[in-house]
Amino acid sequence: MNYCRTHGIPALFSFFFPGLGQLVKGHLFKALGIWIAFIITGTMHIFGAGFLLWPLIWIWQLYDAYNA
């Protein structure tokens, strides 16, 4: 069942729950880093800066889940 760890499935998981694709691939520290980044950028929404970073992190983690 190696297909579950390559390309489409992890990217699909990350689309709905950021970081889950990295976790499925076995990249625990990347997943934790993504979750921490989303918590920080979510908190930054209060100050008006998180709305710029959140979509960039979301797109990057999708790309990473598909390719890495």
Protein backbone atom coordinates (compact mmCIF):
# COMPACT_ATOMS: atom_id res chain seq x y z
CA MET A 1 0.00 0.00 0.00
CA ASN A 2 2.82 2.35 -0.91
CA TYR A 3 0.44 4.50 -2.98
CA CYS A 4 -1.04 5.95 0.21
CA ARG A 5 2.30 7.60 0.95
CA THR A 6 2.85 9.13 -2.48
CA HIS A 7 1.43 12.19 -4.14
CA GLY A 8 -2.36 12.40 -4.31
CA ILE A 9 -3.58 10.82 -1.08
CA PRO A 10 -1.39 12.86 1.30
CA ALA A 11 -2.19 16.04 -0.66
CA LEU A 12 -5.89 15.29 -0.40
CA PHE A 13 -5.59 14.76 3.34
CA SER A 14 -3.62 18.02 3.68
CA PHE A 15 -6.24 19.88 1.68
CA PHE A 16 -8.87 19.16 4.32
CA PHE A 17 -6.62 19.02 7.41
CA PRO A 18 -3.28 20.81 7.05
CA GLY A 19 -0.34 18.69 8.12
CA LEU A 20 -2.16 15.38 7.89
CA GLY A 21 -0.51 14.53 4.57
CA GLN A 22 2.93 14.98 6.10
CA LEU A 23 1.88 12.81 9.02
CA VAL A 24 0.66 10.06 6.65
CA LYS A 25 4.06 10.17 4.92
CA GLY A 26 5.79 9.74 8.27
CA HIS A 27 7.10 13.30 8.59
CA LEU A 28 6.04 13.92 12.17
CA PHE A 29 8.15 17.02 12.77
CA LYS A 30 6.94 18.66 9.55
CA ALA A 31 3.34 18.04 10.61
CA LEU A 32 3.99 19.50 14.06
CA GLY A 33 5.69 22.51 12.47
CA ILE A 34 2.71 23.10 10.19
CA TRP A 35 0.28 22.88 13.10
CA ILE A 36 2.36 25.32 15.14
CA ALA A 37 2.58 27.68 12.14
CA PHE A 38 -1.20 27.60 11.75
CA ILE A 39 -1.70 28.31 15.45
CA ILE A 40 0.69 31.25 15.25
CA THR A 41 -0.83 32.69 12.08
CA GLY A 42 -4.31 32.16 13.49
CA THR A 43 -3.29 34.18 16.52
CA MET A 44 -1.77 36.82 14.23
CA HIS A 45 -5.23 37.39 12.72
CA ILE A 46 -5.96 39.41 15.83
CA PHE A 47 -3.24 41.87 14.79
CA GLY A 48 -4.16 41.82 11.10
CA ALA A 49 -1.03 40.07 9.81
CA GLY A 50 -2.06 36.42 9.76
CA PHE A 51 -4.33 36.74 6.74
CA LEU A 52 -1.24 37.10 4.51
CA LEU A 53 0.75 34.20 5.91
CA TRP A 54 -2.00 31.63 6.46
CA PRO A 55 -2.79 31.04 2.76
CA LEU A 56 0.92 30.86 1.89
CA ILE A 57 1.53 28.21 4.53
CA TRP A 58 -1.57 26.29 3.42
CA ILE A 59 -0.45 26.27 -0.23
CA TRP A 60 3.12 25.32 0.69
CA GLN A 61 2.01 22.40 2.87
CA LEU A 62 -0.21 21.11 0.03
CA TYR A 63 2.73 21.28 -2.36
CA ASP A 64 4.97 19.58 0.18
CA ALA A 65 2.46 16.81 0.83
CA TYR A 66 2.22 16.14 -2.91
CA ASN A 67 5.92 16.24 -3.75
CA ALA A 68 8.07 15.49 -0.71
